[in-house]
Amino acid sequence: MKTIKKFAKNIFKPNRMKMAALMLLCGTAVTFAQNAAGDYTAGTNALSTVTEEIAKYIPYVVKLCYAIAGVVAVVGAISVYIAMNNEEQDVKKKIMMVVGACIFLVAAAQALPLFFGL
């Protein structure tokens, strides 16, 4: 019990408490000073600019998703062909994984413009 009291006294020394109170006061004052008038136009303008810049890249990302889906399909087909020739057990599992990956990439390419409202 004495060690707990000693620990508490060390934590709540006057110098430490003054420093903690000063840090809390300065930290909250700086936070409120950033938007004292309630004017959020700077943040709104920045978000709209970022959205416009990202929207420019959407067609390229969609085409990239289609290209990746094509590469996954070709590599997956070769992998399935090799597995079938080696008479492996999990050929159906490999087929389902390749088809699932291709469906996901095509669906993501279709949903991406809708996500940004294009």
PDB file of N, CA and C in Angstrom:
ATOM      1  N   MET A   1       0.817  -1.181   0.000  1.00  0.00           N
ATOM      2  CA  MET A   1       0.000   0.000   0.000  1.00  0.00           C
ATOM      3  C   MET A   1       0.865   1.250   0.000  1.00  0.00           C
ATOM      4  N   LYS A   2       1.994   1.181   0.722  1.00  0.00           N
ATOM      5  CA  LYS A   2       2.885   2.330   0.786  1.00  0.00           C
ATOM      6  C   LYS A   2       3.505   2.619  -0.577  1.00  0.00           C
ATOM      7  N   THR A   3       3.794   1.572  -1.350  1.00  0.00           N
ATOM      8  CA  THR A   3       4.389   1.790  -2.664  1.00  0.00           C
ATOM      9  C   THR A   3       3.402   2.468  -3.606  1.00  0.00           C
ATOM     10  N   ILE A   4       2.128   2.149  -3.465  1.00  0.00           N
ATOM     11  CA  ILE A   4       1.115   2.790  -4.303  1.00  0.00           C
ATOM     12  C   ILE A   4       1.012   4.272  -3.956  1.00  0.00           C
ATOM     13  N   LYS A   5       1.031   4.595  -2.684  1.00  0.00           N
ATOM     14  CA  LYS A   5       0.979   6.001  -2.273  1.00  0.00           C
ATOM     15  C   LYS A   5       2.212   6.752  -2.769  1.00  0.00           C
ATOM     16  N   LYS A   6       3.358   6.113  -2.670  1.00  0.00           N
ATOM     17  CA  LYS A   6       4.591   6.750  -3.127  1.00  0.00           C
ATOM     18  C   LYS A   6       4.551   6.968  -4.641  1.00  0.00           C
ATOM     19  N   PHE A   7       4.041   5.980  -5.358  1.00  0.00           N
ATOM     20  CA  PHE A   7       3.913   6.098  -6.805  1.00  0.00           C
ATOM     21  C   PHE A   7       2.960   7.227  -7.187  1.00  0.00           C
ATOM     22  N   ALA A   8       1.832   7.309  -6.485  1.00  0.00           N
ATOM     23  CA  ALA A   8       0.861   8.364  -6.764  1.00  0.00           C
ATOM     24  C   ALA A   8       1.445   9.742  -6.451  1.00  0.00           C
ATOM     25  N   LYS A   9       2.196   9.864  -5.377  1.00  0.00           N
ATOM     26  CA  LYS A   9       2.811  11.144  -5.038  1.00  0.00           C
ATOM     27  C   LYS A   9       3.828  11.560  -6.099  1.00  0.00           C
ATOM     28  N   ASN A  10       4.566  10.590  -6.630  1.00  0.00           N
ATOM     29  CA  ASN A  10       5.544  10.909  -7.670  1.00  0.00           C
ATOM     30  C   ASN A  10       4.869  11.367  -8.960  1.00  0.00           C
ATOM     31  N   ILE A  11       3.760  10.768  -9.280  1.00  0.00           N
ATOM     32  CA  ILE A  11       3.048  11.152 -10.503  1.00  0.00           C
ATOM     33  C   ILE A  11       2.452  12.544 -10.366  1.00  0.00           C
ATOM     34  N   PHE A  12       1.855  12.820  -9.218  1.00  0.00           N
ATOM     35  CA  PHE A  12       1.144  14.076  -9.034  1.00  0.00           C
ATOM     36  C   PHE A  12       1.987  15.143  -8.333  1.00  0.00           C
ATOM     37  N   LYS A  13       3.250  15.191  -8.655  1.00  0.00           N
ATOM     38  CA  LYS A  13       4.093  16.259  -8.123  1.00  0.00           C
ATOM     39  C   LYS A  13       3.637  17.571  -8.739  1.00  0.00           C
ATOM     40  N   PRO A  14       3.810  18.674  -8.024  1.00  0.00           N
ATOM     41  CA  PRO A  14       3.336  19.970  -8.533  1.00  0.00           C
ATOM     42  C   PRO A  14       3.924  20.349  -9.891  1.00  0.00           C
ATOM     43  N   ASN A  15       5.184  20.069 -10.123  1.00  0.00           N
ATOM     44  CA  ASN A  15       5.787  20.432 -11.410  1.00  0.00           C
ATOM     45  C   ASN A  15       5.189  19.625 -12.555  1.00  0.00           C
ATOM     46  N   ARG A  16       4.951  18.360 -12.328  1.00  0.00           N
ATOM     47  CA  ARG A  16       4.361  17.522 -13.370  1.00  0.00           C
ATOM     48  C   ARG A  16       2.926  17.934 -13.661  1.00  0.00           C
ATOM     49  N   MET A  17       2.193  18.253 -12.627  1.00  0.00           N
ATOM     50  CA  MET A  17       0.802  18.671 -12.822  1.00  0.00           C
ATOM     51  C   MET A  17       0.731  19.997 -13.566  1.00  0.00           C
ATOM     52  N   LYS A  18       1.640  20.909 -13.256  1.00  0.00           N
ATOM     53  CA  LYS A  18       1.664  22.185 -13.966  1.00  0.00           C
ATOM     54  C   LYS A  18       1.968  21.958 -15.447  1.00  0.00           C
ATOM     55  N   MET A  19       2.922  21.097 -15.724  1.00  0.00           N
ATOM     56  CA  MET A  19       3.298  20.830 -17.108  1.00  0.00           C
ATOM     57  C   MET A  19       2.152  20.156 -17.863  1.00  0.00           C
ATOM     58  N   ALA A  20       1.479  19.198 -17.234  1.00  0.00           N
ATOM     59  CA  ALA A  20       0.354  18.522 -17.887  1.00  0.00           C
ATOM     60  C   ALA A  20      -0.780  19.507 -18.151  1.00  0.00           C
ATOM     61  N   ALA A  21      -1.080  20.382 -17.191  1.00  0.00           N
ATOM     62  CA  ALA A  21      -2.144  21.365 -17.382  1.00  0.00           C
ATOM     63  C   ALA A  21      -1.787  22.338 -18.494  1.00  0.00           C
ATOM     64  N   LEU A  22      -0.528  22.759 -18.561  1.00  0.00           N
ATOM     65  CA  LEU A  22      -0.088  23.662 -19.608  1.00  0.00           C
ATOM     66  C   LEU A  22      -0.185  23.010 -20.980  1.00  0.00           C
ATOM     67  N   MET A  23       0.214  21.735 -21.076  1.00  0.00           N
ATOM     68  CA  MET A  23       0.133  21.025 -22.355  1.00  0.00           C
ATOM     69  C   MET A  23      -1.313  20.850 -22.794  1.00  0.00           C
ATOM     70  N   LEU A  24      -2.196  20.516 -21.871  1.00  0.00           N
ATOM     71  CA  LEU A  24      -3.606  20.376 -22.224  1.00  0.00           C
ATOM     72  C   LEU A  24      -4.196  21.698 -22.663  1.00  0.00           C
ATOM     73  N   LEU A  25      -3.865  22.766 -21.982  1.00  0.00           N
ATOM     74  CA  LEU A  25      -4.387  24.078 -22.328  1.00  0.00           C
ATOM     75  C   LEU A  25      -3.902  24.511 -23.702  1.00  0.00           C
ATOM     76  N   CYS A  26      -2.614  24.375 -23.948  1.00  0.00           N
ATOM     77  CA  CYS A  26      -2.056  24.780 -25.244  1.00  0.00           C
ATOM     78  C   CYS A  26      -2.579  23.907 -26.372  1.00  0.00           C
ATOM     79  N   GLY A  27      -2.679  22.625 -26.129  1.00  0.00           N
ATOM     80  CA  GLY A  27      -3.160  21.720 -27.172  1.00  0.00           C
ATOM     81  C   GLY A  27      -4.591  22.003 -27.581  1.00  0.00           C
ATOM     82  N   THR A  28      -5.461  22.229 -26.623  1.00  0.00           N
ATOM     83  CA  THR A  28      -6.854  22.529 -26.966  1.00  0.00           C
ATOM     84  C   THR A  28      -6.986  23.912 -27.558  1.00  0.00           C
ATOM     85  N   ALA A  29      -6.176  24.880 -27.094  1.00  0.00           N
ATOM     86  CA  ALA A  29      -6.250  26.228 -27.657  1.00  0.00           C
ATOM     87  C   ALA A  29      -5.840  26.219 -29.123  1.00  0.00           C
ATOM     88  N   VAL A  30      -4.793  25.472 -29.465  1.00  0.00           N
ATOM     89  CA  VAL A  30      -4.354  25.390 -30.853  1.00  0.00           C
ATOM     90  C   VAL A  30      -5.409  24.696 -31.701  1.00  0.00           C
ATOM     91  N   THR A  31      -6.035  23.685 -31.163  1.00  0.00           N
ATOM     92  CA  THR A  31      -7.064  22.970 -31.911  1.00  0.00           C
ATOM     93  C   THR A  31      -8.243  23.868 -32.221  1.00  0.00           C
ATOM     94  N   PHE A  32      -8.683  24.628 -31.261  1.00  0.00           N
ATOM     95  CA  PHE A  32      -9.815  25.514 -31.497  1.00  0.00           C
ATOM     96  C   PHE A  32      -9.428  26.725 -32.331  1.00  0.00           C
ATOM     97  N   ALA A  33      -8.173  27.119 -32.297  1.00  0.00           N
ATOM     98  CA  ALA A  33      -7.743  28.292 -33.050  1.00  0.00           C
ATOM     99  C   ALA A  33      -7.711  28.026 -34.544  1.00  0.00           C
ATOM    100  N   GLN A  34      -7.630  26.775 -34.947  1.00  0.00           N
ATOM    101  CA  GLN A  34      -7.574  26.468 -36.368  1.00  0.00           C
ATOM    102  C   GLN A  34      -8.870  26.821 -37.072  1.00  0.00           C
ATOM    103  N   ASN A  35      -9.976  26.730 -36.384  1.00  0.00           N
ATOM    104  CA  ASN A  35     -11.257  27.031 -37.013  1.00  0.00           C
ATOM    105  C   ASN A  35     -12.113  27.803 -36.016  1.00  0.00           C
ATOM    106  N   ALA A  36     -11.679  28.986 -35.673  1.00  0.00           N
ATOM    107  CA  ALA A  36     -12.383  29.764 -34.656  1.00  0.00           C
ATOM    108  C   ALA A  36     -13.699  30.324 -35.176  1.00  0.00           C
ATOM    109  N   ALA A  37     -13.766  30.653 -36.471  1.00  0.00           N
ATOM    110  CA  ALA A  37     -14.953  31.310 -37.010  1.00  0.00           C
ATOM    111  C   ALA A  37     -15.992  30.315 -37.501  1.00  0.00           C
ATOM    112  N   GLY A  38     -15.680  29.028 -37.559  1.00  0.00           N
ATOM    113  CA  GLY A  38     -16.629  28.043 -38.071  1.00  0.00           C
ATOM    114  C   GLY A  38     -16.662  28.008 -39.591  1.00  0.00           C
ATOM    115  N   ASP A  39     -15.603  28.470 -40.222  1.00  0.00           N
ATOM    116  CA  ASP A  39     -15.532  28.529 -41.679  1.00  0.00           C
ATOM    117  C   ASP A  39     -14.810  27.287 -42.182  1.00  0.00           C
ATOM    118  N   TYR A  40     -15.527  26.433 -42.864  1.00  0.00           N
ATOM    119  CA  TYR A  40     -14.962  25.171 -43.342  1.00  0.00           C
ATOM    120  C   TYR A  40     -14.715  25.181 -44.844  1.00  0.00           C
ATOM    121  N   THR A  41     -14.681  26.332 -45.471  1.00  0.00           N
ATOM    122  CA  THR A  41     -14.538  26.377 -46.925  1.00  0.00           C
ATOM    123  C   THR A  41     -13.186  25.860 -47.384  1.00  0.00           C
ATOM    124  N   ALA A  42     -12.137  26.083 -46.600  1.00  0.00           N
ATOM    125  CA  ALA A  42     -10.816  25.604 -47.010  1.00  0.00           C
ATOM    126  C   ALA A  42     -10.795  24.081 -47.090  1.00  0.00           C
ATOM    127  N   GLY A  43     -11.356  23.409 -46.091  1.00  0.00           N
ATOM    128  CA  GLY A  43     -11.405  21.953 -46.116  1.00  0.00           C
ATOM    129  C   GLY A  43     -12.312  21.415 -47.203  1.00  0.00           C
ATOM    130  N   THR A  44     -13.434  22.088 -47.414  1.00  0.00           N
ATOM    131  CA  THR A  44     -14.368  21.663 -48.459  1.00  0.00           C
ATOM    132  C   THR A  44     -13.748  21.827 -49.837  1.00  0.00           C
ATOM    133  N   ASN A  45     -13.071  22.933 -50.059  1.00  0.00           N
ATOM    134  CA  ASN A  45     -12.405  23.153 -51.347  1.00  0.00           C
ATOM    135  C   ASN A  45     -11.306  22.125 -51.575  1.00  0.00           C
ATOM    136  N   ALA A  46     -10.564  21.809 -50.535  1.00  0.00           N
ATOM    137  CA  ALA A  46      -9.488  20.820 -50.678  1.00  0.00           C
ATOM    138  C   ALA A  46     -10.057  19.441 -51.013  1.00  0.00           C
ATOM    139  N   LEU A  47     -11.140  19.055 -50.359  1.00  0.00           N
ATOM    140  CA  LEU A  47     -11.744  17.748 -50.643  1.00  0.00           C
ATOM    141  C   LEU A  47     -12.312  17.688 -52.057  1.00  0.00           C
ATOM    142  N   SER A  48     -12.929  18.749 -52.516  1.00  0.00           N
ATOM    143  CA  SER A  48     -13.478  18.744 -53.878  1.00  0.00           C
ATOM    144  C   SER A  48     -12.356  18.694 -54.909  1.00  0.00           C
ATOM    145  N   THR A  49     -11.247  19.376 -54.637  1.00  0.00           N
ATOM    146  CA  THR A  49     -10.106  19.331 -55.551  1.00  0.00           C
ATOM    147  C   THR A  49      -9.518  17.925 -55.613  1.00  0.00           C
ATOM    148  N   VAL A  50      -9.385  17.289 -54.472  1.00  0.00           N
ATOM    149  CA  VAL A  50      -8.842  15.923 -54.433  1.00  0.00           C
ATOM    150  C   VAL A  50      -9.773  14.965 -55.165  1.00  0.00           C
ATOM    151  N   THR A  51     -11.069  15.136 -54.980  1.00  0.00           N
ATOM    152  CA  THR A  51     -12.026  14.267 -55.665  1.00  0.00           C
ATOM    153  C   THR A  51     -11.937  14.416 -57.173  1.00  0.00           C
ATOM    154  N   GLU A  52     -11.799  15.639 -57.644  1.00  0.00           N
ATOM    155  CA  GLU A  52     -11.661  15.872 -59.086  1.00  0.00           C
ATOM    156  C   GLU A  52     -10.376  15.265 -59.625  1.00  0.00           C
ATOM    157  N   GLU A  53      -9.297  15.385 -58.876  1.00  0.00           N
ATOM    158  CA  GLU A  53      -8.019  14.825 -59.319  1.00  0.00           C
ATOM    159  C   GLU A  53      -8.069  13.303 -59.363  1.00  0.00           C
ATOM    160  N   ILE A  54      -8.694  12.688 -58.378  1.00  0.00           N
ATOM    161  CA  ILE A  54      -8.813  11.226 -58.369  1.00  0.00           C
ATOM    162  C   ILE A  54      -9.709  10.759 -59.505  1.00  0.00           C
ATOM    163  N   ALA A  55     -10.760  11.514 -59.786  1.00  0.00           N
ATOM    164  CA  ALA A  55     -11.696  11.120 -60.846  1.00  0.00           C
ATOM    165  C   ALA A  55     -11.017  11.080 -62.205  1.00  0.00           C
ATOM    166  N   LYS A  56      -9.954  11.840 -62.396  1.00  0.00           N
ATOM    167  CA  LYS A  56      -9.236  11.812 -63.671  1.00  0.00           C
ATOM    168  C   LYS A  56      -8.553  10.468 -63.911  1.00  0.00           C
ATOM    169  N   TYR A  57      -8.199   9.776 -62.844  1.00  0.00           N
ATOM    170  CA  TYR A  57      -7.461   8.517 -62.969  1.00  0.00           C
ATOM    171  C   TYR A  57      -8.364   7.286 -63.038  1.00  0.00           C
ATOM    172  N   ILE A  58      -9.650   7.449 -62.823  1.00  0.00           N
ATOM    173  CA  ILE A  58     -10.562   6.303 -62.780  1.00  0.00           C
ATOM    174  C   ILE A  58     -10.549   5.486 -64.076  1.00  0.00           C
ATOM    175  N   PRO A  59     -10.633   6.106 -65.270  1.00  0.00           N
ATOM    176  CA  PRO A  59     -10.614   5.271 -66.493  1.00  0.00           C
ATOM    177  C   PRO A  59      -9.348   4.430 -66.625  1.00  0.00           C
ATOM    178  N   TYR A  60      -8.216   4.981 -66.204  1.00  0.00           N
ATOM    179  CA  TYR A  60      -6.961   4.227 -66.285  1.00  0.00           C
ATOM    180  C   TYR A  60      -6.959   3.059 -65.302  1.00  0.00           C
ATOM    181  N   VAL A  61      -7.501   3.280 -64.132  1.00  0.00           N
ATOM    182  CA  VAL A  61      -7.546   2.219 -63.125  1.00  0.00           C
ATOM    183  C   VAL A  61      -8.505   1.111 -63.573  1.00  0.00           C
ATOM    184  N   VAL A  62      -9.610   1.490 -64.216  1.00  0.00           N
ATOM    185  CA  VAL A  62     -10.560   0.487 -64.724  1.00  0.00           C
ATOM    186  C   VAL A  62      -9.874  -0.381 -65.786  1.00  0.00           C
ATOM    187  N   LYS A  63      -9.161   0.261 -66.702  1.00  0.00           N
ATOM    188  CA  LYS A  63      -8.456  -0.507 -67.734  1.00  0.00           C
ATOM    189  C   LYS A  63      -7.364  -1.384 -67.128  1.00  0.00           C
ATOM    190  N   LEU A  64      -6.713  -0.877 -66.094  1.00  0.00           N
ATOM    191  CA  LEU A  64      -5.698  -1.660 -65.402  1.00  0.00           C
ATOM    192  C   LEU A  64      -6.308  -2.892 -64.741  1.00  0.00           C
ATOM    193  N   CYS A  65      -7.489  -2.734 -64.147  1.00  0.00           N
ATOM    194  CA  CYS A  65      -8.173  -3.887 -63.538  1.00  0.00           C
ATOM    195  C   CYS A  65      -8.524  -4.935 -64.585  1.00  0.00           C
ATOM    196  N   TYR A  66      -8.985  -4.481 -65.746  1.00  0.00           N
ATOM    197  CA  TYR A  66      -9.287  -5.436 -66.813  1.00  0.00           C
ATOM    198  C   TYR A  66      -8.019  -6.144 -67.287  1.00  0.00           C
ATOM    199  N   ALA A  67      -6.923  -5.415 -67.392  1.00  0.00           N
ATOM    200  CA  ALA A  67      -5.670  -6.032 -67.832  1.00  0.00           C
ATOM    201  C   ALA A  67      -5.177  -7.049 -66.804  1.00  0.00           C
ATOM    202  N   ILE A  68      -5.282  -6.709 -65.536  1.00  0.00           N
ATOM    203  CA  ILE A  68      -4.864  -7.650 -64.489  1.00  0.00           C
ATOM    204  C   ILE A  68      -5.750  -8.881 -64.503  1.00  0.00           C
ATOM    205  N   ALA A  69      -7.052  -8.693 -64.735  1.00  0.00           N
ATOM    206  CA  ALA A  69      -7.966  -9.843 -64.819  1.00  0.00           C
ATOM    207  C   ALA A  69      -7.582 -10.749 -65.983  1.00  0.00           C
ATOM    208  N   GLY A  70      -7.189 -10.152 -67.095  1.00  0.00           N
ATOM    209  CA  GLY A  70      -6.754 -10.949 -68.239  1.00  0.00           C
ATOM    210  C   GLY A  70      -5.499 -11.746 -67.941  1.00  0.00           C
ATOM    211  N   VAL A  71      -4.539 -11.116 -67.287  1.00  0.00           N
ATOM    212  CA  VAL A  71      -3.299 -11.817 -66.937  1.00  0.00           C
ATOM    213  C   VAL A  71      -3.581 -12.944 -65.944  1.00  0.00           C
ATOM    214  N   VAL A  72      -4.463 -12.666 -64.959  1.00  0.00           N
ATOM    215  CA  VAL A  72      -4.828 -13.702 -63.989  1.00  0.00           C
ATOM    216  C   VAL A  72      -5.510 -14.870 -64.694  1.00  0.00           C
ATOM    217  N   ALA A  73      -6.353 -14.578 -65.680  1.00  0.00           N
ATOM    218  CA  ALA A  73      -7.049 -15.641 -66.407  1.00  0.00           C
ATOM    219  C   ALA A  73      -6.070 -16.505 -67.198  1.00  0.00           C
ATOM    220  N   VAL A  74      -5.122 -15.869 -67.879  1.00  0.00           N
ATOM    221  CA  VAL A  74      -4.156 -16.632 -68.679  1.00  0.00           C
ATOM    222  C   VAL A  74      -3.248 -17.474 -67.787  1.00  0.00           C
ATOM    223  N   VAL A  75      -2.705 -16.860 -66.737  1.00  0.00           N
ATOM    224  CA  VAL A  75      -1.826 -17.596 -65.832  1.00  0.00           C
ATOM    225  C   VAL A  75      -2.596 -18.701 -65.116  1.00  0.00           C
ATOM    226  N   GLY A  76      -3.829 -18.413 -64.727  1.00  0.00           N
ATOM    227  CA  GLY A  76      -4.658 -19.426 -64.077  1.00  0.00           C
ATOM    228  C   GLY A  76      -4.987 -20.583 -65.001  1.00  0.00           C
ATOM    229  N   ALA A  77      -5.263 -20.271 -66.262  1.00  0.00           N
ATOM    230  CA  ALA A  77      -5.552 -21.339 -67.226  1.00  0.00           C
ATOM    231  C   ALA A  77      -4.345 -22.243 -67.418  1.00  0.00           C
ATOM    232  N   ILE A  78      -3.175 -21.643 -67.483  1.00  0.00           N
ATOM    233  CA  ILE A  78      -1.953 -22.444 -67.609  1.00  0.00           C
ATOM    234  C   ILE A  78      -1.744 -23.289 -66.360  1.00  0.00           C
ATOM    235  N   SER A  79      -1.984 -22.714 -65.193  1.00  0.00           N
ATOM    236  CA  SER A  79      -1.834 -23.449 -63.938  1.00  0.00           C
ATOM    237  C   SER A  79      -2.818 -24.614 -63.861  1.00  0.00           C
ATOM    238  N   VAL A  80      -4.043 -24.378 -64.289  1.00  0.00           N
ATOM    239  CA  VAL A  80      -5.052 -25.450 -64.281  1.00  0.00           C
ATOM    240  C   VAL A  80      -4.677 -26.542 -65.289  1.00  0.00           C
ATOM    241  N   TYR A  81      -4.190 -26.138 -66.449  1.00  0.00           N
ATOM    242  CA  TYR A  81      -3.780 -27.112 -67.461  1.00  0.00           C
ATOM    243  C   TYR A  81      -2.655 -28.006 -66.942  1.00  0.00           C
ATOM    244  N   ILE A  82      -1.678 -27.384 -66.279  1.00  0.00           N
ATOM    245  CA  ILE A  82      -0.569 -28.169 -65.727  1.00  0.00           C
ATOM    246  C   ILE A  82      -1.075 -29.104 -64.629  1.00  0.00           C
ATOM    247  N   ALA A  83      -1.983 -28.615 -63.796  1.00  0.00           N
ATOM    248  CA  ALA A  83      -2.539 -29.449 -62.722  1.00  0.00           C
ATOM    249  C   ALA A  83      -3.339 -30.618 -63.285  1.00  0.00           C
ATOM    250  N   MET A  84      -4.059 -30.374 -64.388  1.00  0.00           N
ATOM    251  CA  MET A  84      -4.842 -31.465 -64.993  1.00  0.00           C
ATOM    252  C   MET A  84      -3.910 -32.507 -65.619  1.00  0.00           C
ATOM    253  N   ASN A  85      -2.823 -32.058 -66.226  1.00  0.00           N
ATOM    254  CA  ASN A  85      -1.890 -33.004 -66.833  1.00  0.00           C
ATOM    255  C   ASN A  85      -1.153 -33.826 -65.782  1.00  0.00           C
ATOM    256  N   ASN A  86      -0.925 -33.239 -64.614  1.00  0.00           N
ATOM    257  CA  ASN A  86      -0.257 -33.966 -63.546  1.00  0.00           C
ATOM    258  C   ASN A  86      -1.231 -34.778 -62.696  1.00  0.00           C
ATOM    259  N   GLU A  87      -2.486 -34.741 -63.043  1.00  0.00           N
ATOM    260  CA  GLU A  87      -3.554 -35.464 -62.348  1.00  0.00           C
ATOM    261  C   GLU A  87      -3.574 -35.150 -60.856  1.00  0.00           C
ATOM    262  N   GLU A  88      -3.536 -33.854 -60.542  1.00  0.00           N
ATOM    263  CA  GLU A  88      -3.605 -33.431 -59.147  1.00  0.00           C
ATOM    264  C   GLU A  88      -5.037 -33.531 -58.636  1.00  0.00           C
ATOM    265  N   GLN A  89      -5.172 -33.508 -57.316  1.00  0.00           N
ATOM    266  CA  GLN A  89      -6.474 -33.702 -56.686  1.00  0.00           C
ATOM    267  C   GLN A  89      -7.335 -32.437 -56.701  1.00  0.00           C
ATOM    268  N   ASP A  90      -6.734 -31.269 -56.546  1.00  0.00           N
ATOM    269  CA  ASP A  90      -7.502 -30.047 -56.326  1.00  0.00           C
ATOM    270  C   ASP A  90      -7.635 -29.193 -57.583  1.00  0.00           C
ATOM    271  N   VAL A  91      -7.941 -29.810 -58.714  1.00  0.00           N
ATOM    272  CA  VAL A  91      -8.091 -29.054 -59.957  1.00  0.00           C
ATOM    273  C   VAL A  91      -9.333 -28.174 -59.887  1.00  0.00           C
ATOM    274  N   LYS A  92     -10.407 -28.723 -59.348  1.00  0.00           N
ATOM    275  CA  LYS A  92     -11.643 -27.949 -59.238  1.00  0.00           C
ATOM    276  C   LYS A  92     -11.436 -26.727 -58.345  1.00  0.00           C
ATOM    277  N   LYS A  93     -10.678 -26.894 -57.295  1.00  0.00           N
ATOM    278  CA  LYS A  93     -10.388 -25.778 -56.386  1.00  0.00           C
ATOM    279  C   LYS A  93      -9.595 -24.688 -57.110  1.00  0.00           C
ATOM    280  N   LYS A  94      -8.625 -25.070 -57.904  1.00  0.00           N
ATOM    281  CA  LYS A  94      -7.844 -24.093 -58.664  1.00  0.00           C
ATOM    282  C   LYS A  94      -8.713 -23.359 -59.671  1.00  0.00           C
ATOM    283  N   ILE A  95      -9.589 -24.080 -60.332  1.00  0.00           N
ATOM    284  CA  ILE A  95     -10.482 -23.454 -61.307  1.00  0.00           C
ATOM    285  C   ILE A  95     -11.372 -22.433 -60.623  1.00  0.00           C
ATOM    286  N   MET A  96     -11.939 -22.800 -59.489  1.00  0.00           N
ATOM    287  CA  MET A  96     -12.826 -21.887 -58.774  1.00  0.00           C
ATOM    288  C   MET A  96     -12.077 -20.646 -58.287  1.00  0.00           C
ATOM    289  N   MET A  97     -10.829 -20.815 -57.860  1.00  0.00           N
ATOM    290  CA  MET A  97     -10.053 -19.671 -57.395  1.00  0.00           C
ATOM    291  C   MET A  97      -9.739 -18.713 -58.539  1.00  0.00           C
ATOM    292  N   VAL A  98      -9.383 -19.232 -59.695  1.00  0.00           N
ATOM    293  CA  VAL A  98      -9.071 -18.379 -60.840  1.00  0.00           C
ATOM    294  C   VAL A  98     -10.325 -17.655 -61.317  1.00  0.00           C
ATOM    295  N   VAL A  99     -11.415 -18.369 -61.429  1.00  0.00           N
ATOM    296  CA  VAL A  99     -12.665 -17.742 -61.866  1.00  0.00           C
ATOM    297  C   VAL A  99     -13.124 -16.698 -60.849  1.00  0.00           C
ATOM    298  N   GLY A 100     -13.015 -17.004 -59.583  1.00  0.00           N
ATOM    299  CA  GLY A 100     -13.388 -16.037 -58.547  1.00  0.00           C
ATOM    300  C   GLY A 100     -12.549 -14.777 -58.593  1.00  0.00           C
ATOM    301  N   ALA A 101     -11.250 -14.935 -58.814  1.00  0.00           N
ATOM    302  CA  ALA A 101     -10.369 -13.768 -58.904  1.00  0.00           C
ATOM    303  C   ALA A 101     -10.719 -12.902 -60.110  1.00  0.00           C
ATOM    304  N   CYS A 102     -11.006 -13.545 -61.234  1.00  0.00           N
ATOM    305  CA  CYS A 102     -11.369 -12.783 -62.431  1.00  0.00           C
ATOM    306  C   CYS A 102     -12.706 -12.068 -62.248  1.00  0.00           C
ATOM    307  N   ILE A 103     -13.668 -12.745 -61.654  1.00  0.00           N
ATOM    308  CA  ILE A 103     -14.967 -12.114 -61.411  1.00  0.00           C
ATOM    309  C   ILE A 103     -14.814 -10.931 -60.470  1.00  0.00           C
ATOM    310  N   PHE A 104     -13.997 -11.090 -59.432  1.00  0.00           N
ATOM    311  CA  PHE A 104     -13.773  -9.974 -58.496  1.00  0.00           C
ATOM    312  C   PHE A 104     -13.142  -8.786 -59.196  1.00  0.00           C
ATOM    313  N   LEU A 105     -12.132  -9.018 -60.019  1.00  0.00           N
ATOM    314  CA  LEU A 105     -11.462  -7.900 -60.689  1.00  0.00           C
ATOM    315  C   LEU A 105     -12.389  -7.191 -61.666  1.00  0.00           C
ATOM    316  N   VAL A 106     -13.198  -7.937 -62.390  1.00  0.00           N
ATOM    317  CA  VAL A 106     -14.139  -7.314 -63.319  1.00  0.00           C
ATOM    318  C   VAL A 106     -15.221  -6.553 -62.555  1.00  0.00           C
ATOM    319  N   ALA A 107     -15.714  -7.136 -61.465  1.00  0.00           N
ATOM    320  CA  ALA A 107     -16.729  -6.440 -60.661  1.00  0.00           C
ATOM    321  C   ALA A 107     -16.150  -5.180 -60.018  1.00  0.00           C
ATOM    322  N   ALA A 108     -14.908  -5.239 -59.577  1.00  0.00           N
ATOM    323  CA  ALA A 108     -14.279  -4.051 -58.991  1.00  0.00           C
ATOM    324  C   ALA A 108     -14.098  -2.969 -60.051  1.00  0.00           C
ATOM    325  N   ALA A 109     -13.750  -3.364 -61.266  1.00  0.00           N
ATOM    326  CA  ALA A 109     -13.597  -2.389 -62.345  1.00  0.00           C
ATOM    327  C   ALA A 109     -14.934  -1.745 -62.698  1.00  0.00           C
ATOM    328  N   GLN A 110     -16.017  -2.488 -62.582  1.00  0.00           N
ATOM    329  CA  GLN A 110     -17.343  -1.920 -62.856  1.00  0.00           C
ATOM    330  C   GLN A 110     -17.826  -1.040 -61.720  1.00  0.00           C
ATOM    331  N   ALA A 111     -17.479  -1.385 -60.484  1.00  0.00           N
ATOM    332  CA  ALA A 111     -17.980  -0.648 -59.324  1.00  0.00           C
ATOM    333  C   ALA A 111     -17.168   0.607 -59.028  1.00  0.00           C
ATOM    334  N   LEU A 112     -15.937   0.668 -59.480  1.00  0.00           N
ATOM    335  CA  LEU A 112     -15.089   1.808 -59.156  1.00  0.00           C
ATOM    336  C   LEU A 112     -15.648   3.136 -59.661  1.00  0.00           C
ATOM    337  N   PRO A 113     -16.086   3.248 -60.907  1.00  0.00           N
ATOM    338  CA  PRO A 113     -16.668   4.523 -61.337  1.00  0.00           C
ATOM    339  C   PRO A 113     -17.962   4.867 -60.567  1.00  0.00           C
ATOM    340  N   LEU A 114     -18.721   3.877 -60.220  1.00  0.00           N
ATOM    341  CA  LEU A 114     -19.941   4.131 -59.462  1.00  0.00           C
ATOM    342  C   LEU A 114     -19.621   4.639 -58.059  1.00  0.00           C
ATOM    343  N   PHE A 115     -18.513   4.189 -57.501  1.00  0.00           N
ATOM    344  CA  PHE A 115     -18.099   4.628 -56.177  1.00  0.00           C
ATOM    345  C   PHE A 115     -17.778   6.118 -56.156  1.00  0.00           C
ATOM    346  N   PHE A 116     -17.182   6.611 -57.247  1.00  0.00           N
ATOM    347  CA  PHE A 116     -16.848   8.025 -57.339  1.00  0.00           C
ATOM    348  C   PHE A 116     -17.920   8.839 -58.035  1.00  0.00           C
ATOM    349  N   GLY A 117     -19.029   8.233 -58.385  1.00  0.00           N
ATOM    350  CA  GLY A 117     -20.138   8.964 -58.972  1.00  0.00           C
ATOM    351  C   GLY A 117     -19.927   9.358 -60.414  1.00  0.00           C
ATOM    352  N   LEU A 118     -19.198   8.559 -61.164  1.00  0.00           N
ATOM    353  CA  LEU A 118     -18.957   8.861 -62.588  1.00  0.00           C
ATOM    354  C   LEU A 118     -19.819   8.018 -63.474  1.00  0.00           C
TER     355      LEU A 118
END
